Amino acid sequence: MKLLHWIKKQREQKEGFTLVELIVVLVILAILAALLVPALTGYIEKSKKDQVVAETRSILSAVQTEVATMYATDEWNSLDSRAIIASKDGTDEHNSLSAQKETLISRYDDIVSLSEVPSLQDNGKGRFTCIVNQEGKVHLIIYDSGRGYTGLYFAETPEYLAVTSPDTNHFFENYNCKVMVSNLGKYETEIYVWSRANILAGLGHYELI
């Protein structure tokens, strides 16, 4: 009975939080938010970078598969330096034949389909350009994900990177959505243009060079 009486008394005397108690709670919540928000933001950004790297890997695999079907064929052996072997719009500075245009578009579509990268599909904002050497190996991939990050693959290192990309338009003015074969072993200019250091400098990431 005494216990019931005490509980009843406590209920009758129950009061709300004081202003001081509320302020203390709010301060604690603010401190927790200040600690957790940066960590959560960092986790989200890392997740985005990891996704772009994974997509760059998929593009590399798709391009390498397509190139493997061409390598050692008469068509491959007849390619000139800086020949385009796949192109989203079918443009090729070295060949304007309509038949060649359809072939370039078809190869590009095959690469995109094989890569299964969502941003490269219809209505996607992604785009990529790729340099393949004359031995049929991918030398470089520049992949603008359309989500604020650029995925990069460098065979010379080799490594995959995902970096912020405020502006990649200068990389795509002449090589928009194309796969190009370049004789990197013959022309020193080509080696410099498509080098890791030059690409990173063009993206403003000197700290990674």
N, C-alpha and C. Protein backbone atom coordinates (compact mmCIF):
# COMPACT_ATOMS: atom_id res chain seq x y z
N MET A 1 0.82 -1.20 0.00
CA MET A 1 0.00 0.00 0.00
C MET A 1 0.87 1.27 0.00
N LYS A 2 1.92 1.23 0.78
CA LYS A 2 2.81 2.38 0.83
C LYS A 2 3.42 2.67 -0.55
N LEU A 3 3.75 1.57 -1.26
CA LEU A 3 4.35 1.75 -2.59
C LEU A 3 3.36 2.40 -3.54
N LEU A 4 2.11 1.94 -3.51
CA LEU A 4 1.08 2.51 -4.38
C LEU A 4 0.83 3.97 -4.03
N HIS A 5 0.85 4.24 -2.77
CA HIS A 5 0.65 5.62 -2.31
C HIS A 5 1.78 6.52 -2.79
N TRP A 6 3.02 5.98 -2.74
CA TRP A 6 4.18 6.77 -3.20
C TRP A 6 4.14 7.05 -4.70
N ILE A 7 3.73 6.01 -5.48
CA ILE A 7 3.62 6.18 -6.94
C ILE A 7 2.57 7.22 -7.27
N LYS A 8 1.43 7.16 -6.57
CA LYS A 8 0.35 8.12 -6.81
C LYS A 8 0.81 9.53 -6.49
N LYS A 9 1.57 9.64 -5.40
CA LYS A 9 2.06 10.95 -5.00
C LYS A 9 3.03 11.52 -6.04
N GLN A 10 3.89 10.62 -6.58
CA GLN A 10 4.85 11.07 -7.58
C GLN A 10 4.15 11.56 -8.85
N ARG A 11 3.09 10.86 -9.24
CA ARG A 11 2.33 11.27 -10.42
C ARG A 11 1.68 12.63 -10.21
N GLU A 12 1.19 12.85 -9.01
CA GLU A 12 0.53 14.13 -8.73
C GLU A 12 1.53 15.27 -8.73
N GLN A 13 2.78 14.96 -8.34
CA GLN A 13 3.80 16.00 -8.26
C GLN A 13 4.59 16.16 -9.57
N LYS A 14 4.23 15.38 -10.59
CA LYS A 14 4.99 15.38 -11.85
C LYS A 14 4.91 16.75 -12.52
N GLU A 15 6.08 17.27 -12.94
CA GLU A 15 6.16 18.56 -13.58
C GLU A 15 6.90 18.43 -14.90
N GLY A 16 6.80 19.45 -15.77
CA GLY A 16 7.51 19.44 -17.04
C GLY A 16 8.98 19.77 -16.86
N PHE A 17 9.73 19.70 -17.98
CA PHE A 17 11.15 20.04 -17.95
C PHE A 17 11.33 21.53 -17.68
N THR A 18 12.36 21.85 -16.98
CA THR A 18 12.69 23.26 -16.76
C THR A 18 13.41 23.80 -17.99
N LEU A 19 13.50 25.10 -18.10
CA LEU A 19 14.18 25.73 -19.24
C LEU A 19 15.65 25.33 -19.29
N VAL A 20 16.27 25.25 -18.15
CA VAL A 20 17.69 24.86 -18.07
C VAL A 20 17.87 23.45 -18.63
N GLU A 21 16.98 22.54 -18.24
CA GLU A 21 17.07 21.15 -18.72
C GLU A 21 16.91 21.08 -20.24
N LEU A 22 15.99 21.86 -20.77
CA LEU A 22 15.78 21.88 -22.21
C LEU A 22 17.01 22.41 -22.94
N ILE A 23 17.61 23.46 -22.39
CA ILE A 23 18.81 24.04 -23.01
C ILE A 23 19.95 23.02 -23.01
N VAL A 24 20.10 22.31 -21.90
CA VAL A 24 21.16 21.29 -21.81
C VAL A 24 20.96 20.21 -22.87
N VAL A 25 19.72 19.76 -23.03
CA VAL A 25 19.41 18.73 -24.03
C VAL A 25 19.73 19.23 -25.43
N LEU A 26 19.34 20.48 -25.73
CA LEU A 26 19.59 21.04 -27.06
C LEU A 26 21.09 21.18 -27.32
N VAL A 27 21.84 21.56 -26.31
CA VAL A 27 23.29 21.69 -26.47
C VAL A 27 23.91 20.33 -26.78
N ILE A 28 23.45 19.31 -26.06
CA ILE A 28 23.97 17.96 -26.29
C ILE A 28 23.65 17.50 -27.72
N LEU A 29 22.43 17.76 -28.17
CA LEU A 29 22.04 17.39 -29.54
C LEU A 29 22.87 18.14 -30.58
N ALA A 30 23.14 19.41 -30.32
CA ALA A 30 23.95 20.21 -31.25
C ALA A 30 25.37 19.67 -31.34
N ILE A 31 25.93 19.26 -30.20
CA ILE A 31 27.29 18.70 -30.18
C ILE A 31 27.33 17.39 -30.97
N LEU A 32 26.34 16.54 -30.76
CA LEU A 32 26.27 15.27 -31.48
C LEU A 32 26.14 15.49 -32.98
N ALA A 33 25.31 16.47 -33.37
CA ALA A 33 25.14 16.77 -34.79
C ALA A 33 26.44 17.27 -35.41
N ALA A 34 27.16 18.12 -34.67
CA ALA A 34 28.43 18.66 -35.17
C ALA A 34 29.46 17.55 -35.38
N LEU A 35 29.37 16.51 -34.57
CA LEU A 35 30.32 15.40 -34.68
C LEU A 35 29.92 14.41 -35.77
N LEU A 36 28.62 14.17 -35.90
CA LEU A 36 28.15 13.12 -36.80
C LEU A 36 27.96 13.56 -38.25
N VAL A 37 27.53 14.79 -38.46
CA VAL A 37 27.25 15.26 -39.82
C VAL A 37 28.48 15.21 -40.73
N PRO A 38 29.65 15.72 -40.30
CA PRO A 38 30.83 15.62 -41.18
C PRO A 38 31.20 14.17 -41.50
N ALA A 39 31.09 13.30 -40.50
CA ALA A 39 31.42 11.89 -40.72
C ALA A 39 30.45 11.27 -41.72
N LEU A 40 29.17 11.61 -41.58
CA LEU A 40 28.17 11.08 -42.50
C LEU A 40 28.37 11.61 -43.90
N THR A 41 28.69 12.91 -44.01
CA THR A 41 28.95 13.52 -45.31
C THR A 41 30.15 12.87 -45.99
N GLY A 42 31.20 12.63 -45.21
CA GLY A 42 32.38 11.97 -45.75
C GLY A 42 32.07 10.58 -46.25
N TYR A 43 31.24 9.87 -45.52
CA TYR A 43 30.85 8.51 -45.92
C TYR A 43 30.07 8.54 -47.23
N ILE A 44 29.17 9.51 -47.36
CA ILE A 44 28.36 9.63 -48.59
C ILE A 44 29.25 9.94 -49.78
N GLU A 45 30.21 10.87 -49.61
CA GLU A 45 31.11 11.23 -50.71
C GLU A 45 32.00 10.05 -51.10
N LYS A 46 32.47 9.30 -50.11
CA LYS A 46 33.29 8.12 -50.41
C LYS A 46 32.48 7.10 -51.19
N SER A 47 31.22 6.95 -50.82
CA SER A 47 30.35 6.01 -51.52
C SER A 47 30.16 6.42 -52.98
N LYS A 48 30.02 7.72 -53.22
CA LYS A 48 29.87 8.22 -54.59
C LYS A 48 31.13 7.96 -55.40
N LYS A 49 32.30 8.20 -54.80
CA LYS A 49 33.56 7.96 -55.49
C LYS A 49 33.73 6.48 -55.82
N ASP A 50 33.39 5.62 -54.85
CA ASP A 50 33.51 4.18 -55.07
C ASP A 50 32.62 3.74 -56.23
N GLN A 51 31.44 4.34 -56.33
CA GLN A 51 30.52 3.99 -57.40
C GLN A 51 31.09 4.40 -58.76
N VAL A 52 31.69 5.58 -58.83
CA VAL A 52 32.28 6.05 -60.08
C VAL A 52 33.47 5.17 -60.48
N VAL A 53 34.27 4.76 -59.51
CA VAL A 53 35.39 3.87 -59.80
C VAL A 53 34.89 2.54 -60.33
N ALA A 54 33.82 2.01 -59.72
CA ALA A 54 33.24 0.75 -60.18
C ALA A 54 32.73 0.88 -61.61
N GLU A 55 32.12 2.01 -61.93
CA GLU A 55 31.61 2.23 -63.28
C GLU A 55 32.75 2.37 -64.29
N THR A 56 33.85 2.99 -63.86
CA THR A 56 35.03 3.10 -64.73
C THR A 56 35.60 1.73 -65.03
N ARG A 57 35.63 0.87 -64.04
CA ARG A 57 36.08 -0.51 -64.24
C ARG A 57 35.20 -1.23 -65.27
N SER A 58 33.91 -1.00 -65.16
CA SER A 58 32.97 -1.64 -66.09
C SER A 58 33.19 -1.16 -67.52
N ILE A 59 33.46 0.13 -67.67
CA ILE A 59 33.74 0.68 -69.00
C ILE A 59 35.02 0.07 -69.56
N LEU A 60 36.05 -0.02 -68.73
CA LEU A 60 37.31 -0.62 -69.17
C LEU A 60 37.09 -2.06 -69.65
N SER A 61 36.36 -2.82 -68.88
CA SER A 61 36.09 -4.21 -69.25
C SER A 61 35.33 -4.29 -70.56
N ALA A 62 34.35 -3.41 -70.75
CA ALA A 62 33.54 -3.43 -71.97
C ALA A 62 34.37 -3.04 -73.19
N VAL A 63 35.20 -1.99 -73.04
CA VAL A 63 36.04 -1.55 -74.16
C VAL A 63 37.05 -2.64 -74.52
N GLN A 64 37.67 -3.23 -73.49
CA GLN A 64 38.67 -4.25 -73.75
C GLN A 64 38.07 -5.47 -74.44
N THR A 65 36.84 -5.80 -74.08
CA THR A 65 36.14 -6.91 -74.74
C THR A 65 35.87 -6.61 -76.20
N GLU A 66 35.43 -5.39 -76.48
CA GLU A 66 35.14 -5.00 -77.86
C GLU A 66 36.41 -4.95 -78.69
N VAL A 67 37.48 -4.41 -78.12
CA VAL A 67 38.74 -4.33 -78.84
C VAL A 67 39.30 -5.72 -79.13
N ALA A 68 39.10 -6.64 -78.20
CA ALA A 68 39.61 -8.00 -78.37
C ALA A 68 38.99 -8.68 -79.59
N THR A 69 37.74 -8.32 -79.91
CA THR A 69 37.10 -8.91 -81.09
C THR A 69 37.66 -8.33 -82.39
N MET A 70 38.28 -7.16 -82.31
CA MET A 70 38.84 -6.51 -83.50
C MET A 70 40.31 -6.81 -83.70
N TYR A 71 41.01 -7.02 -82.58
CA TYR A 71 42.47 -7.14 -82.65
C TYR A 71 42.91 -8.31 -83.54
N ALA A 72 43.93 -8.10 -84.31
CA ALA A 72 44.51 -9.10 -85.22
C ALA A 72 43.65 -9.34 -86.47
N THR A 73 42.60 -8.54 -86.64
CA THR A 73 41.81 -8.63 -87.87
C THR A 73 42.44 -7.72 -88.92
N ASP A 74 42.02 -7.90 -90.16
CA ASP A 74 42.53 -7.04 -91.23
C ASP A 74 42.16 -5.58 -90.98
N GLU A 75 40.99 -5.36 -90.42
CA GLU A 75 40.55 -3.98 -90.13
C GLU A 75 41.49 -3.34 -89.11
N TRP A 76 41.82 -4.07 -88.06
CA TRP A 76 42.71 -3.51 -87.02
C TRP A 76 44.09 -3.22 -87.60
N ASN A 77 44.59 -4.13 -88.37
CA ASN A 77 45.94 -3.97 -88.94
C ASN A 77 46.03 -2.80 -89.91
N SER A 78 44.89 -2.38 -90.43
CA SER A 78 44.90 -1.27 -91.39
C SER A 78 44.64 0.08 -90.74
N LEU A 79 44.45 0.12 -89.43
CA LEU A 79 44.14 1.37 -88.75
C LEU A 79 45.34 2.31 -88.76
N ASP A 80 45.05 3.59 -88.99
CA ASP A 80 46.09 4.61 -88.90
C ASP A 80 46.17 5.11 -87.46
N SER A 81 47.23 5.85 -87.16
CA SER A 81 47.33 6.46 -85.84
C SER A 81 46.16 7.42 -85.61
N ARG A 82 45.64 7.42 -84.39
CA ARG A 82 44.50 8.25 -83.99
C ARG A 82 43.24 7.89 -84.76
N ALA A 83 43.07 6.62 -85.04
CA ALA A 83 41.84 6.16 -85.70
C ALA A 83 40.73 5.99 -84.67
N ILE A 84 39.52 6.33 -85.05
CA ILE A 84 38.36 6.16 -84.18
C ILE A 84 37.75 4.79 -84.46
N ILE A 85 37.54 3.99 -83.42
CA ILE A 85 36.95 2.67 -83.63
C ILE A 85 35.54 2.56 -83.04
N ALA A 86 35.13 3.56 -82.25
CA ALA A 86 33.77 3.60 -81.71
C ALA A 86 33.42 5.05 -81.40
N SER A 87 32.20 5.43 -81.70
CA SER A 87 31.80 6.82 -81.51
C SER A 87 30.29 6.91 -81.35
N LYS A 88 29.85 7.69 -80.37
CA LYS A 88 28.42 7.81 -80.10
C LYS A 88 27.66 8.42 -81.27
N ASP A 89 28.25 9.43 -81.91
CA ASP A 89 27.58 10.10 -83.03
C ASP A 89 28.10 9.65 -84.39
N GLY A 90 29.07 8.72 -84.38
CA GLY A 90 29.57 8.19 -85.65
C GLY A 90 30.61 9.05 -86.34
N THR A 91 31.02 10.14 -85.71
CA THR A 91 31.99 11.02 -86.36
C THR A 91 33.40 10.44 -86.28
N ASP A 92 34.14 10.63 -87.36
CA ASP A 92 35.53 10.19 -87.44
C ASP A 92 36.26 11.18 -88.34
N GLU A 93 37.25 11.86 -87.78
CA GLU A 93 37.96 12.89 -88.53
C GLU A 93 38.69 12.32 -89.75
N HIS A 94 38.92 11.01 -89.76
CA HIS A 94 39.69 10.40 -90.84
C HIS A 94 38.81 9.73 -91.89
N ASN A 95 37.54 9.53 -91.58
CA ASN A 95 36.68 8.79 -92.49
C ASN A 95 35.25 9.27 -92.35
N SER A 96 34.66 9.72 -93.42
CA SER A 96 33.30 10.26 -93.38
C SER A 96 32.30 9.36 -94.09
N LEU A 97 32.70 8.14 -94.45
CA LEU A 97 31.81 7.23 -95.15
C LEU A 97 30.63 6.84 -94.26
N SER A 98 29.44 6.80 -94.84
CA SER A 98 28.25 6.48 -94.06
C SER A 98 28.32 5.07 -93.46
N ALA A 99 28.91 4.13 -94.20
CA ALA A 99 29.04 2.77 -93.69
C ALA A 99 29.93 2.74 -92.45
N GLN A 100 31.01 3.52 -92.49
CA GLN A 100 31.90 3.60 -91.35
C GLN A 100 31.19 4.24 -90.16
N LYS A 101 30.34 5.22 -90.44
CA LYS A 101 29.60 5.90 -89.38
C LYS A 101 28.71 4.92 -88.63
N GLU A 102 28.00 4.09 -89.35
CA GLU A 102 27.12 3.13 -88.71
C GLU A 102 27.90 2.12 -87.88
N THR A 103 29.08 1.75 -88.36
CA THR A 103 29.93 0.81 -87.62
C THR A 103 30.40 1.41 -86.31
N LEU A 104 30.80 2.69 -86.36
CA LEU A 104 31.28 3.37 -85.15
C LEU A 104 30.18 3.47 -84.11
N ILE A 105 28.98 3.81 -84.55
CA ILE A 105 27.85 3.93 -83.63
C ILE A 105 27.50 2.56 -83.03
N SER A 106 27.52 1.54 -83.88
CA SER A 106 27.18 0.19 -83.43
C SER A 106 28.17 -0.29 -82.36
N ARG A 107 29.45 -0.02 -82.58
CA ARG A 107 30.46 -0.44 -81.60
C ARG A 107 30.29 0.33 -80.28
N TYR A 108 30.00 1.62 -80.40
CA TYR A 108 29.80 2.41 -79.19
C TYR A 108 28.60 1.86 -78.41
N ASP A 109 27.50 1.58 -79.10
CA ASP A 109 26.31 1.04 -78.43
C ASP A 109 26.61 -0.31 -77.78
N ASP A 110 27.42 -1.12 -78.43
CA ASP A 110 27.78 -2.42 -77.86
C ASP A 110 28.58 -2.25 -76.57
N ILE A 111 29.50 -1.29 -76.57
CA ILE A 111 30.32 -1.03 -75.38
C ILE A 111 29.44 -0.54 -74.23
N VAL A 112 28.55 0.39 -74.52
CA VAL A 112 27.65 0.93 -73.50
C VAL A 112 26.76 -0.16 -72.93
N SER A 113 26.22 -0.98 -73.81
CA SER A 113 25.35 -2.07 -73.36
C SER A 113 26.10 -3.07 -72.50
N LEU A 114 27.31 -3.40 -72.91
CA LEU A 114 28.12 -4.36 -72.16
C LEU A 114 28.56 -3.81 -70.81
N SER A 115 28.82 -2.52 -70.75
CA SER A 115 29.29 -1.91 -69.50
C SER A 115 28.19 -1.86 -68.44
N GLU A 116 26.94 -1.74 -68.88
CA GLU A 116 25.79 -1.64 -67.98
C GLU A 116 25.90 -0.46 -67.01
N VAL A 117 26.55 0.60 -67.45
CA VAL A 117 26.66 1.81 -66.63
C VAL A 117 25.42 2.68 -66.88
N PRO A 118 24.59 2.90 -65.86
CA PRO A 118 23.32 3.61 -66.04
C PRO A 118 23.44 4.98 -66.67
N SER A 119 24.46 5.75 -66.29
CA SER A 119 24.59 7.12 -66.78
C SER A 119 24.92 7.20 -68.26
N LEU A 120 25.34 6.09 -68.87
CA LEU A 120 25.66 6.06 -70.30
C LEU A 120 24.47 5.61 -71.14
N GLN A 121 23.44 5.12 -70.48
CA GLN A 121 22.26 4.64 -71.21
C GLN A 121 21.44 5.83 -71.71
N ASP A 122 20.34 5.55 -72.37
CA ASP A 122 19.48 6.60 -72.92
C ASP A 122 19.09 7.60 -71.84
N ASN A 123 19.19 8.88 -72.19
CA ASN A 123 18.85 10.00 -71.29
C ASN A 123 19.82 10.16 -70.12
N GLY A 124 20.89 9.38 -70.10
CA GLY A 124 21.90 9.53 -69.05
C GLY A 124 22.82 10.71 -69.34
N LYS A 125 23.41 11.28 -68.30
CA LYS A 125 24.29 12.43 -68.45
C LYS A 125 25.77 12.05 -68.53
N GLY A 126 26.07 10.77 -68.43
CA GLY A 126 27.45 10.33 -68.45
C GLY A 126 28.04 10.33 -69.85
N ARG A 127 29.36 10.40 -69.93
CA ARG A 127 30.07 10.34 -71.19
C ARG A 127 31.50 9.88 -70.92
N PHE A 128 32.12 9.29 -71.90
CA PHE A 128 33.49 8.84 -71.69
C PHE A 128 34.28 8.91 -72.98
N THR A 129 35.57 9.01 -72.84
CA THR A 129 36.47 8.88 -73.97
C THR A 129 37.58 7.93 -73.54
N CYS A 130 38.10 7.18 -74.51
CA CYS A 130 39.05 6.12 -74.19
C CYS A 130 40.15 6.07 -75.24
N ILE A 131 41.37 5.89 -74.79
CA ILE A 131 42.52 5.76 -75.69
C ILE A 131 43.05 4.33 -75.59
N VAL A 132 43.16 3.68 -76.75
CA VAL A 132 43.68 2.32 -76.82
C VAL A 132 44.97 2.35 -77.62
N ASN A 133 46.01 1.64 -77.17
CA ASN A 133 47.23 1.62 -77.94
C ASN A 133 47.13 0.61 -79.09
N GLN A 134 48.10 0.60 -79.97
CA GLN A 134 48.01 -0.24 -81.15
C GLN A 134 48.24 -1.72 -80.86
N GLU A 135 48.57 -2.03 -79.61
CA GLU A 135 48.65 -3.44 -79.20
C GLU A 135 47.31 -3.93 -78.67
N GLY A 136 46.29 -3.07 -78.73
CA GLY A 136 44.96 -3.48 -78.32
C GLY A 136 44.70 -3.41 -76.83
N LYS A 137 45.51 -2.62 -76.10
CA LYS A 137 45.34 -2.46 -74.66
C LYS A 137 44.85 -1.05 -74.34
N VAL A 138 43.92 -0.96 -73.42
CA VAL A 138 43.40 0.36 -73.02
C VAL A 138 44.48 1.12 -72.26
N HIS A 139 44.78 2.32 -72.74
CA HIS A 139 45.80 3.16 -72.12
C HIS A 139 45.19 4.15 -71.14
N LEU A 140 44.01 4.65 -71.44
CA LEU A 140 43.41 5.71 -70.63
C LEU A 140 41.90 5.72 -70.80
N ILE A 141 41.20 5.99 -69.70
CA ILE A 141 39.75 6.24 -69.75
C ILE A 141 39.46 7.51 -68.97
N ILE A 142 38.70 8.39 -69.56
CA ILE A 142 38.17 9.57 -68.87
C ILE A 142 36.65 9.44 -68.89
N TYR A 143 36.07 9.28 -67.73
CA TYR A 143 34.63 9.03 -67.62
C TYR A 143 33.97 10.12 -66.78
N ASP A 144 33.22 10.99 -67.43
CA ASP A 144 32.45 12.02 -66.74
C ASP A 144 31.11 11.41 -66.34
N SER A 145 30.94 11.17 -65.05
CA SER A 145 29.74 10.47 -64.58
C SER A 145 28.48 11.32 -64.65
N GLY A 146 28.65 12.65 -64.81
CA GLY A 146 27.48 13.53 -64.80
C GLY A 146 26.95 13.79 -63.40
N ARG A 147 27.69 13.32 -62.39
CA ARG A 147 27.26 13.48 -61.00
C ARG A 147 28.32 14.20 -60.17
N GLY A 148 29.17 14.98 -60.85
CA GLY A 148 30.18 15.77 -60.12
C GLY A 148 31.52 15.10 -59.96
N TYR A 149 31.65 13.86 -60.41
CA TYR A 149 32.92 13.16 -60.32
C TYR A 149 33.34 12.61 -61.68
N THR A 150 34.66 12.62 -61.91
CA THR A 150 35.22 12.03 -63.12
C THR A 150 36.00 10.78 -62.74
N GLY A 151 35.68 9.69 -63.41
CA GLY A 151 36.41 8.45 -63.19
C GLY A 151 37.58 8.37 -64.16
N LEU A 152 38.73 7.94 -63.67
CA LEU A 152 39.94 7.88 -64.50
C LEU A 152 40.58 6.51 -64.38
N TYR A 153 41.11 6.02 -65.50
CA TYR A 153 41.93 4.82 -65.48
C TYR A 153 43.22 5.13 -66.23
N PHE A 154 44.35 4.82 -65.58
CA PHE A 154 45.66 5.03 -66.19
C PHE A 154 46.40 3.70 -66.24
N ALA A 155 46.71 3.24 -67.44
CA ALA A 155 47.44 1.98 -67.59
C ALA A 155 48.88 2.13 -67.13
N GLU A 156 49.42 3.33 -67.22
CA GLU A 156 50.83 3.53 -66.90
C GLU A 156 51.11 3.35 -65.41
N THR A 157 50.09 3.46 -64.55
CA THR A 157 50.35 3.36 -63.12
C THR A 157 50.33 1.93 -62.58
N PRO A 158 49.34 1.06 -62.85
CA PRO A 158 47.96 1.35 -63.26
C PRO A 158 47.10 1.67 -62.03
N GLU A 159 46.05 2.43 -62.24
CA GLU A 159 45.19 2.80 -61.12
C GLU A 159 43.87 3.35 -61.61
N TYR A 160 42.90 3.33 -60.71
CA TYR A 160 41.60 3.96 -60.93
C TYR A 160 41.47 5.11 -59.95
N LEU A 161 40.91 6.22 -60.41
CA LEU A 161 40.68 7.36 -59.55
C LEU A 161 39.29 7.92 -59.79
N ALA A 162 38.73 8.55 -58.77
CA ALA A 162 37.50 9.32 -58.92
C ALA A 162 37.80 10.69 -58.34
N VAL A 163 37.75 11.72 -59.18
CA VAL A 163 38.10 13.07 -58.74
C VAL A 163 36.95 14.02 -59.05
N THR A 164 36.90 15.12 -58.31
CA THR A 164 35.89 16.13 -58.59
C THR A 164 36.14 16.72 -59.98
N SER A 165 35.06 17.04 -60.67
CA SER A 165 35.21 17.50 -62.06
C SER A 165 34.36 18.74 -62.30
N PRO A 166 34.87 19.92 -61.94
CA PRO A 166 34.11 21.15 -62.18
C PRO A 166 33.88 21.40 -63.67
N ASP A 167 34.82 20.96 -64.52
CA ASP A 167 34.67 21.18 -65.96
C ASP A 167 35.52 20.17 -66.73
N THR A 168 34.88 19.30 -67.49
CA THR A 168 35.61 18.34 -68.31
C THR A 168 35.35 18.58 -69.79
N ASN A 169 34.69 19.69 -70.12
CA ASN A 169 34.31 19.93 -71.52
C ASN A 169 35.50 19.96 -72.47
N HIS A 170 36.64 20.48 -72.00
CA HIS A 170 37.79 20.59 -72.90
C HIS A 170 38.32 19.22 -73.30
N PHE A 171 38.03 18.18 -72.51
CA PHE A 171 38.45 16.84 -72.88
C PHE A 171 37.52 16.23 -73.92
N PHE A 172 36.30 16.75 -74.00
CA PHE A 172 35.30 16.14 -74.86
C PHE A 172 34.97 16.95 -76.11
N GLU A 173 35.65 18.04 -76.31
CA GLU A 173 35.40 18.85 -77.50
C GLU A 173 35.72 18.08 -78.78
N ASN A 174 36.84 17.38 -78.78
CA ASN A 174 37.25 16.64 -79.97
C ASN A 174 37.10 15.13 -79.83
N TYR A 175 36.94 14.66 -78.59
CA TYR A 175 36.92 13.21 -78.38
C TYR A 175 35.68 12.78 -77.62
N ASN A 176 34.57 13.45 -77.87
CA ASN A 176 33.35 13.20 -77.13
C ASN A 176 32.80 11.80 -77.41
N CYS A 177 32.72 11.00 -76.34
CA CYS A 177 32.12 9.67 -76.42
C CYS A 177 32.74 8.84 -77.54
N LYS A 178 34.06 8.72 -77.50
CA LYS A 178 34.77 7.98 -78.53
C LYS A 178 35.79 7.04 -77.93
N VAL A 179 36.11 6.02 -78.70
CA VAL A 179 37.23 5.13 -78.38
C VAL A 179 38.21 5.28 -79.53
N MET A 180 39.43 5.71 -79.21
CA MET A 180 40.41 6.03 -80.24
C MET A 180 41.66 5.19 -80.07
N VAL A 181 42.20 4.72 -81.19
CA VAL A 181 43.46 3.99 -81.18
C VAL A 181 44.58 4.97 -81.48
N SER A 182 45.60 5.00 -80.65
CA SER A 182 46.70 5.94 -80.84
C SER A 182 48.03 5.19 -80.78
N ASN A 183 48.92 5.56 -81.67
CA ASN A 183 50.25 4.94 -81.70
C ASN A 183 51.14 5.62 -80.67
N LEU A 184 50.94 5.26 -79.42
CA LEU A 184 51.63 5.94 -78.32
C LEU A 184 53.13 5.68 -78.31
N GLY A 185 53.54 4.58 -78.91
CA GLY A 185 54.95 4.26 -78.89
C GLY A 185 55.75 4.98 -79.95
N LYS A 186 55.06 5.64 -80.88
CA LYS A 186 55.75 6.27 -82.01
C LYS A 186 55.85 7.78 -81.87
N TYR A 187 54.82 8.39 -81.30
CA TYR A 187 54.78 9.85 -81.24
C TYR A 187 54.87 10.32 -79.79
N GLU A 188 55.94 11.03 -79.46
CA GLU A 188 56.13 11.51 -78.10
C GLU A 188 55.02 12.48 -77.68
N THR A 189 54.50 13.24 -78.64
CA THR A 189 53.42 14.19 -78.33
C THR A 189 52.20 13.45 -77.82
N GLU A 190 51.89 12.33 -78.45
CA GLU A 190 50.75 11.53 -78.03
C GLU A 190 50.94 11.01 -76.60
N ILE A 191 52.15 10.58 -76.30
CA ILE A 191 52.43 10.06 -74.96
C ILE A 191 52.17 11.15 -73.92
N TYR A 192 52.59 12.40 -74.21
CA TYR A 192 52.38 13.49 -73.27
C TYR A 192 50.91 13.86 -73.15
N VAL A 193 50.24 13.99 -74.29
CA VAL A 193 48.83 14.41 -74.28
C VAL A 193 47.97 13.47 -73.45
N TRP A 194 48.23 12.16 -73.56
CA TRP A 194 47.41 11.18 -72.86
C TRP A 194 48.11 10.62 -71.63
N SER A 195 49.04 11.37 -71.07
CA SER A 195 49.74 10.91 -69.87
C SER A 195 48.91 11.20 -68.62
N ARG A 196 49.21 10.47 -67.57
CA ARG A 196 48.52 10.65 -66.29
C ARG A 196 48.70 12.07 -65.78
N ALA A 197 49.93 12.58 -65.82
CA ALA A 197 50.22 13.92 -65.29
C ALA A 197 49.45 14.99 -66.04
N ASN A 198 49.39 14.88 -67.36
CA ASN A 198 48.71 15.90 -68.16
C ASN A 198 47.20 15.89 -67.93
N ILE A 199 46.62 14.70 -67.83
CA ILE A 199 45.18 14.60 -67.60
C ILE A 199 44.80 15.16 -66.24
N LEU A 200 45.55 14.79 -65.20
CA LEU A 200 45.25 15.29 -63.86
C LEU A 200 45.45 16.80 -63.78
N ALA A 201 46.48 17.31 -64.45
CA ALA A 201 46.69 18.76 -64.48
C ALA A 201 45.53 19.45 -65.17
N GLY A 202 45.01 18.83 -66.23
CA GLY A 202 43.87 19.41 -66.94
C GLY A 202 42.62 19.46 -66.10
N LEU A 203 42.52 18.56 -65.13
CA LEU A 203 41.38 18.53 -64.22
C LEU A 203 41.63 19.35 -62.96
N GLY A 204 42.84 19.91 -62.83
CA GLY A 204 43.17 20.74 -61.69
C GLY A 204 43.58 19.98 -60.44
N HIS A 205 43.96 18.70 -60.60
CA HIS A 205 44.33 17.89 -59.44
C HIS A 205 45.85 17.69 -59.40
N TYR A 206 46.55 18.78 -59.20
CA TYR A 206 48.01 18.73 -59.16
C TYR A 206 48.53 17.95 -57.96
N GLU A 207 47.73 17.89 -56.90
CA GLU A 207 48.20 17.22 -55.68
C GLU A 207 48.30 15.70 -55.87
N LEU A 208 47.69 15.19 -56.94
CA LEU A 208 47.73 13.74 -57.19
C LEU A 208 48.85 13.37 -58.16
N ILE A 209 49.50 14.36 -58.74
CA ILE A 209 50.56 14.08 -59.71
C ILE A 209 51.82 13.63 -59.00
